[in-house]
PDB file of N, CA and C in Angstrom:
ATOM      1  N   MET A   1     -33.223  -9.220  10.732  1.00  0.00           N
ATOM      2  CA  MET A   1     -31.796  -9.198  10.999  1.00  0.00           C
ATOM      3  C   MET A   1     -31.167  -8.058  10.196  1.00  0.00           C
ATOM      4  N   PRO A   2     -30.441  -7.131  10.864  1.00  0.00           N
ATOM      5  CA  PRO A   2     -29.810  -6.020  10.151  1.00  0.00           C
ATOM      6  C   PRO A   2     -28.725  -6.512   9.196  1.00  0.00           C
ATOM      7  N   GLN A   3     -28.604  -5.831   8.085  1.00  0.00           N
ATOM      8  CA  GLN A   3     -27.567  -6.159   7.111  1.00  0.00           C
ATOM      9  C   GLN A   3     -26.709  -4.929   6.851  1.00  0.00           C
ATOM     10  N   PHE A   4     -25.464  -5.171   6.504  1.00  0.00           N
ATOM     11  CA  PHE A   4     -24.521  -4.111   6.176  1.00  0.00           C
ATOM     12  C   PHE A   4     -24.118  -4.312   4.727  1.00  0.00           C
ATOM     13  N   VAL A   5     -24.405  -3.337   3.901  1.00  0.00           N
ATOM     14  CA  VAL A   5     -24.065  -3.428   2.476  1.00  0.00           C
ATOM     15  C   VAL A   5     -22.726  -2.736   2.257  1.00  0.00           C
ATOM     16  N   HIS A   6     -21.761  -3.531   1.833  1.00  0.00           N
ATOM     17  CA  HIS A   6     -20.405  -3.056   1.602  1.00  0.00           C
ATOM     18  C   HIS A   6     -20.178  -2.981   0.094  1.00  0.00           C
ATOM     19  N   ALA A   7     -19.989  -1.796  -0.437  1.00  0.00           N
ATOM     20  CA  ALA A   7     -19.763  -1.639  -1.881  1.00  0.00           C
ATOM     21  C   ALA A   7     -18.273  -1.765  -2.189  1.00  0.00           C
ATOM     22  N   ARG A   8     -17.948  -2.649  -3.113  1.00  0.00           N
ATOM     23  CA  ARG A   8     -16.556  -2.881  -3.506  1.00  0.00           C
ATOM     24  C   ARG A   8     -16.245  -2.050  -4.749  1.00  0.00           C
ATOM     25  N   ILE A   9     -15.148  -1.297  -4.660  1.00  0.00           N
ATOM     26  CA  ILE A   9     -14.716  -0.453  -5.774  1.00  0.00           C
ATOM     27  C   ILE A   9     -13.308  -0.895  -6.163  1.00  0.00           C
ATOM     28  N   ASP A  10     -13.159  -1.472  -7.342  1.00  0.00           N
ATOM     29  CA  ASP A  10     -11.887  -2.065  -7.774  1.00  0.00           C
ATOM     30  C   ASP A  10     -10.995  -1.126  -8.583  1.00  0.00           C
ATOM     31  N   THR A  11     -11.144   0.166  -8.422  1.00  0.00           N
ATOM     32  CA  THR A  11     -10.342   1.102  -9.210  1.00  0.00           C
ATOM     33  C   THR A  11      -8.847   0.937  -8.966  1.00  0.00           C
ATOM     34  N   PHE A  12      -8.435   0.670  -7.737  1.00  0.00           N
ATOM     35  CA  PHE A  12      -7.010   0.489  -7.444  1.00  0.00           C
ATOM     36  C   PHE A  12      -6.559  -0.928  -7.756  1.00  0.00           C
ATOM     37  N   LEU A  13      -7.369  -1.893  -7.428  1.00  0.00           N
ATOM     38  CA  LEU A  13      -7.013  -3.287  -7.646  1.00  0.00           C
ATOM     39  C   LEU A  13      -6.769  -3.566  -9.126  1.00  0.00           C
ATOM     40  N   ARG A  14      -7.561  -2.968  -9.972  1.00  0.00           N
ATOM     41  CA  ARG A  14      -7.444  -3.197 -11.417  1.00  0.00           C
ATOM     42  C   ARG A  14      -6.688  -2.084 -12.146  1.00  0.00           C
ATOM     43  N   GLY A  15      -6.207  -1.084 -11.392  1.00  0.00           N
ATOM     44  CA  GLY A  15      -5.498   0.020 -12.015  1.00  0.00           C
ATOM     45  C   GLY A  15      -6.391   0.830 -12.939  1.00  0.00           C
ATOM     46  N   ALA A  16      -7.665   0.914 -12.588  1.00  0.00           N
ATOM     47  CA  ALA A  16      -8.655   1.572 -13.454  1.00  0.00           C
ATOM     48  C   ALA A  16      -8.999   2.982 -13.004  1.00  0.00           C
ATOM     49  N   GLY A  17      -8.239   3.546 -12.098  1.00  0.00           N
ATOM     50  CA  GLY A  17      -8.541   4.904 -11.641  1.00  0.00           C
ATOM     51  C   GLY A  17      -7.841   5.181 -10.335  1.00  0.00           C
ATOM     52  N   GLY A  18      -7.882   6.412  -9.920  1.00  0.00           N
ATOM     53  CA  GLY A  18      -7.215   6.824  -8.696  1.00  0.00           C
ATOM     54  C   GLY A  18      -8.199   7.281  -7.646  1.00  0.00           C
ATOM     55  N   VAL A  19      -7.743   8.177  -6.799  1.00  0.00           N
ATOM     56  CA  VAL A  19      -8.539   8.645  -5.670  1.00  0.00           C
ATOM     57  C   VAL A  19      -9.819   9.321  -6.137  1.00  0.00           C
ATOM     58  N   ASP A  20      -9.720  10.227  -7.104  1.00  0.00           N
ATOM     59  CA  ASP A  20     -10.904  10.982  -7.529  1.00  0.00           C
ATOM     60  C   ASP A  20     -12.013  10.070  -8.051  1.00  0.00           C
ATOM     61  N   LEU A  21     -11.665   9.119  -8.907  1.00  0.00           N
ATOM     62  CA  LEU A  21     -12.676   8.211  -9.446  1.00  0.00           C
ATOM     63  C   LEU A  21     -13.238   7.309  -8.345  1.00  0.00           C
ATOM     64  N   THR A  22     -12.393   6.882  -7.441  1.00  0.00           N
ATOM     65  CA  THR A  22     -12.850   6.033  -6.341  1.00  0.00           C
ATOM     66  C   THR A  22     -13.826   6.798  -5.454  1.00  0.00           C
ATOM     67  N   LEU A  23     -13.506   8.050  -5.138  1.00  0.00           N
ATOM     68  CA  LEU A  23     -14.406   8.864  -4.326  1.00  0.00           C
ATOM     69  C   LEU A  23     -15.727   9.131  -5.045  1.00  0.00           C
ATOM     70  N   GLU A  24     -15.658   9.329  -6.341  1.00  0.00           N
ATOM     71  CA  GLU A  24     -16.878   9.544  -7.134  1.00  0.00           C
ATOM     72  C   GLU A  24     -17.776   8.304  -7.074  1.00  0.00           C
ATOM     73  N   ARG A  25     -17.180   7.151  -7.255  1.00  0.00           N
ATOM     74  CA  ARG A  25     -17.950   5.905  -7.192  1.00  0.00           C
ATOM     75  C   ARG A  25     -18.459   5.638  -5.778  1.00  0.00           C
ATOM     76  N   ALA A  26     -17.635   5.930  -4.780  1.00  0.00           N
ATOM     77  CA  ALA A  26     -18.059   5.735  -3.392  1.00  0.00           C
ATOM     78  C   ALA A  26     -19.287   6.583  -3.087  1.00  0.00           C
ATOM     79  N   ALA A  27     -19.268   7.844  -3.503  1.00  0.00           N
ATOM     80  CA  ALA A  27     -20.419   8.721  -3.268  1.00  0.00           C
ATOM     81  C   ALA A  27     -21.674   8.172  -3.941  1.00  0.00           C
ATOM     82  N   ALA A  28     -21.527   7.634  -5.148  1.00  0.00           N
ATOM     83  CA  ALA A  28     -22.679   7.076  -5.864  1.00  0.00           C
ATOM     84  C   ALA A  28     -23.215   5.835  -5.142  1.00  0.00           C
ATOM     85  N   PHE A  29     -22.324   4.959  -4.687  1.00  0.00           N
ATOM     86  CA  PHE A  29     -22.764   3.767  -3.959  1.00  0.00           C
ATOM     87  C   PHE A  29     -23.457   4.138  -2.653  1.00  0.00           C
ATOM     88  N   LEU A  30     -22.897   5.110  -1.928  1.00  0.00           N
ATOM     89  CA  LEU A  30     -23.509   5.536  -0.669  1.00  0.00           C
ATOM     90  C   LEU A  30     -24.874   6.173  -0.916  1.00  0.00           C
ATOM     91  N   ALA A  31     -24.990   6.956  -1.982  1.00  0.00           N
ATOM     92  CA  ALA A  31     -26.279   7.566  -2.328  1.00  0.00           C
ATOM     93  C   ALA A  31     -27.307   6.504  -2.696  1.00  0.00           C
ATOM     94  N   ALA A  32     -26.832   5.374  -3.227  1.00  0.00           N
ATOM     95  CA  ALA A  32     -27.733   4.284  -3.620  1.00  0.00           C
ATOM     96  C   ALA A  32     -28.074   3.370  -2.447  1.00  0.00           C
ATOM     97  N   GLY A  33     -27.486   3.628  -1.264  1.00  0.00           N
ATOM     98  CA  GLY A  33     -27.848   2.853  -0.091  1.00  0.00           C
ATOM     99  C   GLY A  33     -26.763   2.000   0.531  1.00  0.00           C
ATOM    100  N   ALA A  34     -25.556   2.008  -0.016  1.00  0.00           N
ATOM    101  CA  ALA A  34     -24.474   1.228   0.588  1.00  0.00           C
ATOM    102  C   ALA A  34     -24.156   1.788   1.977  1.00  0.00           C
ATOM    103  N   ASP A  35     -23.705   0.910   2.874  1.00  0.00           N
ATOM    104  CA  ASP A  35     -23.364   1.323   4.232  1.00  0.00           C
ATOM    105  C   ASP A  35     -21.873   1.567   4.413  1.00  0.00           C
ATOM    106  N   GLY A  36     -21.052   0.980   3.554  1.00  0.00           N
ATOM    107  CA  GLY A  36     -19.615   1.104   3.668  1.00  0.00           C
ATOM    108  C   GLY A  36     -18.960   0.879   2.323  1.00  0.00           C
ATOM    109  N   ILE A  37     -17.677   1.181   2.257  1.00  0.00           N
ATOM    110  CA  ILE A  37     -16.910   1.084   1.014  1.00  0.00           C
ATOM    111  C   ILE A  37     -15.698   0.186   1.239  1.00  0.00           C
ATOM    112  N   PHE A  38     -15.418  -0.662   0.260  1.00  0.00           N
ATOM    113  CA  PHE A  38     -14.230  -1.517   0.256  1.00  0.00           C
ATOM    114  C   PHE A  38     -13.429  -1.158  -0.979  1.00  0.00           C
ATOM    115  N   ALA A  39     -12.189  -0.713  -0.774  1.00  0.00           N
ATOM    116  CA  ALA A  39     -11.319  -0.300  -1.878  1.00  0.00           C
ATOM    117  C   ALA A  39     -10.077  -1.181  -1.909  1.00  0.00           C
ATOM    118  N   PRO A  40     -10.197  -2.427  -2.383  1.00  0.00           N
ATOM    119  CA  PRO A  40      -9.029  -3.300  -2.430  1.00  0.00           C
ATOM    120  C   PRO A  40      -7.973  -2.742  -3.382  1.00  0.00           C
ATOM    121  N   GLY A  41      -6.729  -2.945  -3.024  1.00  0.00           N
ATOM    122  CA  GLY A  41      -5.627  -2.465  -3.857  1.00  0.00           C
ATOM    123  C   GLY A  41      -5.114  -1.103  -3.431  1.00  0.00           C
ATOM    124  N   ALA A  42      -5.871  -0.374  -2.637  1.00  0.00           N
ATOM    125  CA  ALA A  42      -5.412   0.912  -2.106  1.00  0.00           C
ATOM    126  C   ALA A  42      -4.667   0.617  -0.814  1.00  0.00           C
ATOM    127  N   VAL A  43      -3.340   0.586  -0.866  1.00  0.00           N
ATOM    128  CA  VAL A  43      -2.552   0.250   0.315  1.00  0.00           C
ATOM    129  C   VAL A  43      -1.616   1.372   0.754  1.00  0.00           C
ATOM    130  N   ASP A  44      -1.233   2.242  -0.152  1.00  0.00           N
ATOM    131  CA  ASP A  44      -0.345   3.352   0.185  1.00  0.00           C
ATOM    132  C   ASP A  44      -0.999   4.190   1.287  1.00  0.00           C
ATOM    133  N   PRO A  45      -0.293   4.443   2.387  1.00  0.00           N
ATOM    134  CA  PRO A  45      -0.903   5.176   3.503  1.00  0.00           C
ATOM    135  C   PRO A  45      -1.515   6.516   3.118  1.00  0.00           C
ATOM    136  N   GLU A  46      -0.874   7.284   2.255  1.00  0.00           N
ATOM    137  CA  GLU A  46      -1.429   8.588   1.861  1.00  0.00           C
ATOM    138  C   GLU A  46      -2.712   8.410   1.050  1.00  0.00           C
ATOM    139  N   THR A  47      -2.741   7.414   0.170  1.00  0.00           N
ATOM    140  CA  THR A  47      -3.945   7.135  -0.619  1.00  0.00           C
ATOM    141  C   THR A  47      -5.095   6.723   0.286  1.00  0.00           C
ATOM    142  N   VAL A  48      -4.808   5.823   1.228  1.00  0.00           N
ATOM    143  CA  VAL A  48      -5.850   5.370   2.152  1.00  0.00           C
ATOM    144  C   VAL A  48      -6.352   6.545   2.985  1.00  0.00           C
ATOM    145  N   LYS A  49      -5.460   7.442   3.395  1.00  0.00           N
ATOM    146  CA  LYS A  49      -5.879   8.631   4.155  1.00  0.00           C
ATOM    147  C   LYS A  49      -6.800   9.510   3.317  1.00  0.00           C
ATOM    148  N   GLN A  50      -6.449   9.725   2.057  1.00  0.00           N
ATOM    149  CA  GLN A  50      -7.303  10.539   1.180  1.00  0.00           C
ATOM    150  C   GLN A  50      -8.683   9.903   1.027  1.00  0.00           C
ATOM    151  N   LEU A  51      -8.721   8.585   0.882  1.00  0.00           N
ATOM    152  CA  LEU A  51     -10.003   7.899   0.764  1.00  0.00           C
ATOM    153  C   LEU A  51     -10.789   8.007   2.065  1.00  0.00           C
ATOM    154  N   ALA A  52     -10.109   7.782   3.189  1.00  0.00           N
ATOM    155  CA  ALA A  52     -10.790   7.867   4.488  1.00  0.00           C
ATOM    156  C   ALA A  52     -11.353   9.271   4.723  1.00  0.00           C
ATOM    157  N   ASP A  53     -10.588  10.279   4.334  1.00  0.00           N
ATOM    158  CA  ASP A  53     -11.052  11.656   4.493  1.00  0.00           C
ATOM    159  C   ASP A  53     -12.221  11.983   3.564  1.00  0.00           C
ATOM    160  N   GLY A  54     -12.276  11.309   2.409  1.00  0.00           N
ATOM    161  CA  GLY A  54     -13.288  11.641   1.413  1.00  0.00           C
ATOM    162  C   GLY A  54     -14.525  10.769   1.413  1.00  0.00           C
ATOM    163  N   VAL A  55     -14.511   9.677   2.165  1.00  0.00           N
ATOM    164  CA  VAL A  55     -15.657   8.760   2.208  1.00  0.00           C
ATOM    165  C   VAL A  55     -16.377   8.964   3.530  1.00  0.00           C
ATOM    166  N   ASP A  56     -17.644   9.296   3.461  1.00  0.00           N
ATOM    167  CA  ASP A  56     -18.436   9.550   4.662  1.00  0.00           C
ATOM    168  C   ASP A  56     -19.139   8.273   5.114  1.00  0.00           C
ATOM    169  N   ALA A  57     -18.345   7.231   5.344  1.00  0.00           N
ATOM    170  CA  ALA A  57     -18.863   5.923   5.754  1.00  0.00           C
ATOM    171  C   ALA A  57     -17.661   5.068   6.142  1.00  0.00           C
ATOM    172  N   PRO A  58     -17.892   3.907   6.757  1.00  0.00           N
ATOM    173  CA  PRO A  58     -16.768   3.010   7.034  1.00  0.00           C
ATOM    174  C   PRO A  58     -16.035   2.639   5.742  1.00  0.00           C
ATOM    175  N   LEU A  59     -14.716   2.597   5.823  1.00  0.00           N
ATOM    176  CA  LEU A  59     -13.867   2.276   4.676  1.00  0.00           C
ATOM    177  C   LEU A  59     -12.976   1.102   5.020  1.00  0.00           C
ATOM    178  N   ASN A  60     -12.944   0.103   4.163  1.00  0.00           N
ATOM    179  CA  ASN A  60     -12.022  -1.015   4.309  1.00  0.00           C
ATOM    180  C   ASN A  60     -11.015  -0.956   3.176  1.00  0.00           C
ATOM    181  N   ALA A  61      -9.762  -1.228   3.518  1.00  0.00           N
ATOM    182  CA  ALA A  61      -8.698  -1.332   2.527  1.00  0.00           C
ATOM    183  C   ALA A  61      -7.901  -2.581   2.870  1.00  0.00           C
ATOM    184  N   MET A  62      -7.139  -3.067   1.922  1.00  0.00           N
ATOM    185  CA  MET A  62      -6.366  -4.286   2.141  1.00  0.00           C
ATOM    186  C   MET A  62      -4.969  -3.955   2.644  1.00  0.00           C
ATOM    187  N   ALA A  63      -4.417  -4.874   3.395  1.00  0.00           N
ATOM    188  CA  ALA A  63      -3.025  -4.761   3.801  1.00  0.00           C
ATOM    189  C   ALA A  63      -2.180  -5.508   2.785  1.00  0.00           C
ATOM    190  N   GLY A  64      -0.951  -5.090   2.635  1.00  0.00           N
ATOM    191  CA  GLY A  64      -0.057  -5.754   1.701  1.00  0.00           C
ATOM    192  C   GLY A  64       1.188  -4.918   1.504  1.00  0.00           C
ATOM    193  N   PRO A  65       2.017  -5.288   0.533  1.00  0.00           N
ATOM    194  CA  PRO A  65       3.231  -4.511   0.275  1.00  0.00           C
ATOM    195  C   PRO A  65       2.895  -3.044   0.040  1.00  0.00           C
ATOM    196  N   GLY A  66       3.598  -2.168   0.743  1.00  0.00           N
ATOM    197  CA  GLY A  66       3.378  -0.735   0.620  1.00  0.00           C
ATOM    198  C   GLY A  66       2.428  -0.177   1.658  1.00  0.00           C
ATOM    199  N   ALA A  67       1.750  -1.045   2.401  1.00  0.00           N
ATOM    200  CA  ALA A  67       0.816  -0.599   3.434  1.00  0.00           C
ATOM    201  C   ALA A  67       1.571  -0.257   4.714  1.00  0.00           C
ATOM    202  N   LEU A  68       0.849   0.300   5.679  1.00  0.00           N
ATOM    203  CA  LEU A  68       1.435   0.584   6.976  1.00  0.00           C
ATOM    204  C   LEU A  68       1.944  -0.698   7.622  1.00  0.00           C
ATOM    205  N   PRO A  69       3.010  -0.618   8.403  1.00  0.00           N
ATOM    206  CA  PRO A  69       3.437  -1.800   9.149  1.00  0.00           C
ATOM    207  C   PRO A  69       2.323  -2.222  10.108  1.00  0.00           C
ATOM    208  N   VAL A  70       2.204  -3.500  10.374  1.00  0.00           N
ATOM    209  CA  VAL A  70       1.135  -4.035  11.221  1.00  0.00           C
ATOM    210  C   VAL A  70       1.076  -3.321  12.563  1.00  0.00           C
ATOM    211  N   ALA A  71       2.205  -3.002  13.145  1.00  0.00           N
ATOM    212  CA  ALA A  71       2.223  -2.390  14.465  1.00  0.00           C
ATOM    213  C   ALA A  71       1.559  -1.019  14.492  1.00  0.00           C
ATOM    214  N   GLU A  72       1.617  -0.281  13.393  1.00  0.00           N
ATOM    215  CA  GLU A  72       1.082   1.082  13.415  1.00  0.00           C
ATOM    216  C   GLU A  72      -0.432   1.121  13.584  1.00  0.00           C
ATOM    217  N   PRO A  73      -1.235   0.427  12.740  1.00  0.00           N
ATOM    218  CA  PRO A  73      -2.672   0.454  12.996  1.00  0.00           C
ATOM    219  C   PRO A  73      -3.036  -0.229  14.315  1.00  0.00           C
ATOM    220  N   ALA A  74      -2.267  -1.228  14.737  1.00  0.00           N
ATOM    221  CA  ALA A  74      -2.538  -1.876  16.022  1.00  0.00           C
ATOM    222  C   ALA A  74      -2.335  -0.880  17.154  1.00  0.00           C
ATOM    223  N   ALA A  75      -1.298  -0.060  17.047  1.00  0.00           N
ATOM    224  CA  ALA A  75      -1.045   0.951  18.072  1.00  0.00           C
ATOM    225  C   ALA A  75      -2.164   1.985  18.094  1.00  0.00           C
ATOM    226  N   HIS A  76      -2.641   2.390  16.918  1.00  0.00           N
ATOM    227  CA  HIS A  76      -3.761   3.341  16.857  1.00  0.00           C
ATOM    228  C   HIS A  76      -4.992   2.764  17.541  1.00  0.00           C
ATOM    229  N   ALA A  77      -5.274   1.489  17.295  1.00  0.00           N
ATOM    230  CA  ALA A  77      -6.435   0.842  17.897  1.00  0.00           C
ATOM    231  C   ALA A  77      -6.292   0.786  19.415  1.00  0.00           C
ATOM    232  N   LEU A  78      -5.092   0.490  19.882  1.00  0.00           N
ATOM    233  CA  LEU A  78      -4.851   0.414  21.322  1.00  0.00           C
ATOM    234  C   LEU A  78      -5.036   1.780  21.975  1.00  0.00           C
ATOM    235  N   VAL A  79      -4.490   2.815  21.362  1.00  0.00           N
ATOM    236  CA  VAL A  79      -4.624   4.168  21.910  1.00  0.00           C
ATOM    237  C   VAL A  79      -6.093   4.585  21.932  1.00  0.00           C
ATOM    238  N   ARG A  80      -6.800   4.281  20.872  1.00  0.00           N
ATOM    239  CA  ARG A  80      -8.230   4.624  20.804  1.00  0.00           C
ATOM    240  C   ARG A  80      -8.999   3.928  21.925  1.00  0.00           C
ATOM    241  N   ARG A  81      -8.730   2.636  22.095  1.00  0.00           N
ATOM    242  CA  ARG A  81      -9.410   1.867  23.142  1.00  0.00           C
ATOM    243  C   ARG A  81      -9.077   2.434  24.517  1.00  0.00           C
ATOM    244  N   ALA A  82      -7.800   2.735  24.740  1.00  0.00           N
ATOM    245  CA  ALA A  82      -7.377   3.250  26.038  1.00  0.00           C
ATOM    246  C   ALA A  82      -7.966   4.627  26.327  1.00  0.00           C
ATOM    247  N   ALA A  83      -8.181   5.434  25.306  1.00  0.00           N
ATOM    248  CA  ALA A  83      -8.730   6.778  25.506  1.00  0.00           C
ATOM    249  C   ALA A  83     -10.245   6.773  25.688  1.00  0.00           C
ATOM    250  N   ARG A  84     -10.932   5.856  25.048  1.00  0.00           N
ATOM    251  CA  ARG A  84     -12.399   5.832  25.128  1.00  0.00           C
ATOM    252  C   ARG A  84     -12.903   5.554  26.541  1.00  0.00           C
ATOM    253  N   GLU A  85     -12.280   4.627  27.224  1.00  0.00           N
ATOM    254  CA  GLU A  85     -12.785   4.234  28.539  1.00  0.00           C
ATOM    255  C   GLU A  85     -12.760   5.382  29.548  1.00  0.00           C
ATOM    256  N   PRO A  86     -11.620   6.036  29.776  1.00  0.00           N
ATOM    257  CA  PRO A  86     -11.659   7.122  30.763  1.00  0.00           C
ATOM    258  C   PRO A  86     -12.550   8.294  30.330  1.00  0.00           C
ATOM    259  N   LEU A  87     -12.630   8.536  29.032  1.00  0.00           N
ATOM    260  CA  LEU A  87     -13.478   9.620  28.556  1.00  0.00           C
ATOM    261  C   LEU A  87     -14.958   9.256  28.579  1.00  0.00           C
ATOM    262  N   GLY A  88     -15.258   7.962  28.461  1.00  0.00           N
ATOM    263  CA  GLY A  88     -16.647   7.508  28.446  1.00  0.00           C
ATOM    264  C   GLY A  88     -17.122   7.079  29.817  1.00  0.00           C
ATOM    265  N   ALA A  89     -16.658   5.925  30.262  1.00  0.00           N
ATOM    266  CA  ALA A  89     -17.112   5.358  31.536  1.00  0.00           C
ATOM    267  C   ALA A  89     -16.416   5.992  32.734  1.00  0.00           C
ATOM    268  N   GLY A  90     -15.286   6.646  32.488  1.00  0.00           N
ATOM    269  CA  GLY A  90     -14.553   7.260  33.584  1.00  0.00           C
ATOM    270  C   GLY A  90     -13.730   6.272  34.392  1.00  0.00           C
ATOM    271  N   THR A  91     -13.417   5.125  33.788  1.00  0.00           N
ATOM    272  CA  THR A  91     -12.627   4.104  34.474  1.00  0.00           C
ATOM    273  C   THR A  91     -11.328   3.846  33.716  1.00  0.00           C
ATOM    274  N   TYR A  92     -10.464   3.012  34.299  1.00  0.00           N
ATOM    275  CA  TYR A  92      -9.183   2.660  33.687  1.00  0.00           C
ATOM    276  C   TYR A  92      -8.988   1.146  33.634  1.00  0.00           C
ATOM    277  N   ASP A  93     -10.035   0.387  33.402  1.00  0.00           N
ATOM    278  CA  ASP A  93      -9.940  -1.068  33.419  1.00  0.00           C
ATOM    279  C   ASP A  93      -9.350  -1.656  32.138  1.00  0.00           C
ATOM    280  N   ALA A  94      -9.470  -0.995  31.006  1.00  0.00           N
ATOM    281  CA  ALA A  94      -9.016  -1.543  29.722  1.00  0.00           C
ATOM    282  C   ALA A  94      -7.547  -1.963  29.743  1.00  0.00           C
ATOM    283  N   PRO A  95      -6.637  -1.180  30.318  1.00  0.00           N
ATOM    284  CA  PRO A  95      -5.229  -1.592  30.302  1.00  0.00           C
ATOM    285  C   PRO A  95      -4.922  -2.793  31.192  1.00  0.00           C
ATOM    286  N   ALA A  96      -5.878  -3.259  31.981  1.00  0.00           N
ATOM    287  CA  ALA A  96      -5.618  -4.365  32.909  1.00  0.00           C
ATOM    288  C   ALA A  96      -5.122  -5.616  32.199  1.00  0.00           C
ATOM    289  N   ASP A  97      -5.571  -5.842  30.958  1.00  0.00           N
ATOM    290  CA  ASP A  97      -5.133  -7.035  30.235  1.00  0.00           C
ATOM    291  C   ASP A  97      -4.002  -6.727  29.250  1.00  0.00           C
ATOM    292  N   GLY A  98      -3.379  -5.561  29.384  1.00  0.00           N
ATOM    293  CA  GLY A  98      -2.307  -5.151  28.481  1.00  0.00           C
ATOM    294  C   GLY A  98      -0.962  -5.751  28.881  1.00  0.00           C
ATOM    295  N   LEU A  99       0.049  -5.385  28.142  1.00  0.00           N
ATOM    296  CA  LEU A  99       1.404  -5.859  28.403  1.00  0.00           C
ATOM    297  C   LEU A  99       2.044  -5.007  29.495  1.00  0.00           C
ATOM    298  N   ASP A 100       2.884  -5.637  30.318  1.00  0.00           N
ATOM    299  CA  ASP A 100       3.580  -4.857  31.327  1.00  0.00           C
ATOM    300  C   ASP A 100       4.812  -4.198  30.694  1.00  0.00           C
ATOM    301  N   TYR A 101       5.467  -3.320  31.448  1.00  0.00           N
ATOM    302  CA  TYR A 101       6.599  -2.569  30.902  1.00  0.00           C
ATOM    303  C   TYR A 101       7.726  -3.469  30.420  1.00  0.00           C
ATOM    304  N   GLY A 102       7.988  -4.544  31.133  1.00  0.00           N
ATOM    305  CA  GLY A 102       9.048  -5.458  30.723  1.00  0.00           C
ATOM    306  C   GLY A 102       8.781  -6.052  29.348  1.00  0.00           C
ATOM    307  N   GLU A 103       7.537  -6.461  29.118  1.00  0.00           N
ATOM    308  CA  GLU A 103       7.188  -7.026  27.805  1.00  0.00           C
ATOM    309  C   GLU A 103       7.248  -5.963  26.706  1.00  0.00           C
ATOM    310  N   LEU A 104       6.795  -4.760  27.018  1.00  0.00           N
ATOM    311  CA  LEU A 104       6.799  -3.683  26.027  1.00  0.00           C
ATOM    312  C   LEU A 104       8.217  -3.275  25.618  1.00  0.00           C
ATOM    313  N   ASN A 105       9.137  -3.332  26.580  1.00  0.00           N
ATOM    314  CA  ASN A 105      10.495  -2.881  26.308  1.00  0.00           C
ATOM    315  C   ASN A 105      11.438  -3.973  25.832  1.00  0.00           C
ATOM    316  N   THR A 106      10.905  -5.172  25.642  1.00  0.00           N
ATOM    317  CA  THR A 106      11.695  -6.285  25.135  1.00  0.00           C
ATOM    318  C   THR A 106      11.077  -6.758  23.831  1.00  0.00           C
ATOM    319  N   SER A 107      11.892  -6.833  22.821  1.00  0.00           N
ATOM    320  CA  SER A 107      11.384  -7.333  21.545  1.00  0.00           C
ATOM    321  C   SER A 107      12.164  -8.577  21.157  1.00  0.00           C
ATOM    322  N   PRO A 108      11.589  -9.453  20.342  1.00  0.00           N
ATOM    323  CA  PRO A 108      12.319 -10.637  19.894  1.00  0.00           C
ATOM    324  C   PRO A 108      13.626 -10.231  19.210  1.00  0.00           C
ATOM    325  N   GLY A 109      14.657 -10.954  19.491  1.00  0.00           N
ATOM    326  CA  GLY A 109      15.934 -10.696  18.847  1.00  0.00           C
ATOM    327  C   GLY A 109      16.824  -9.748  19.608  1.00  0.00           C
ATOM    328  N   ARG A 110      16.349  -9.205  20.716  1.00  0.00           N
ATOM    329  CA  ARG A 110      17.184  -8.295  21.519  1.00  0.00           C
ATOM    330  C   ARG A 110      18.105  -9.048  22.400  1.00  0.00           C
TER     331      ARG A 110
END
């Protein structure tokens, strides 16, 4: 059974370092065989971007105060999904289970 080794780096969670130290530790964990990096406490969008740009593996970060609004990463995921299908399979079936225009243009409280 395949396993995925996720290395946890608590530099942000414990206030023990910033981007440079986290990237240094991430590189060491990846060189030692880790498959991905988890950086809890790194929620600021610019910090997470710097980590994502500097880690050559899957990166997990936590959501919380100061993080991107929930809708933003959800929108990125939707756009990615919608773009992959026509570019890959050449079909447009993915949007079939999406929201119609009326639902998209109406928000709670309007």
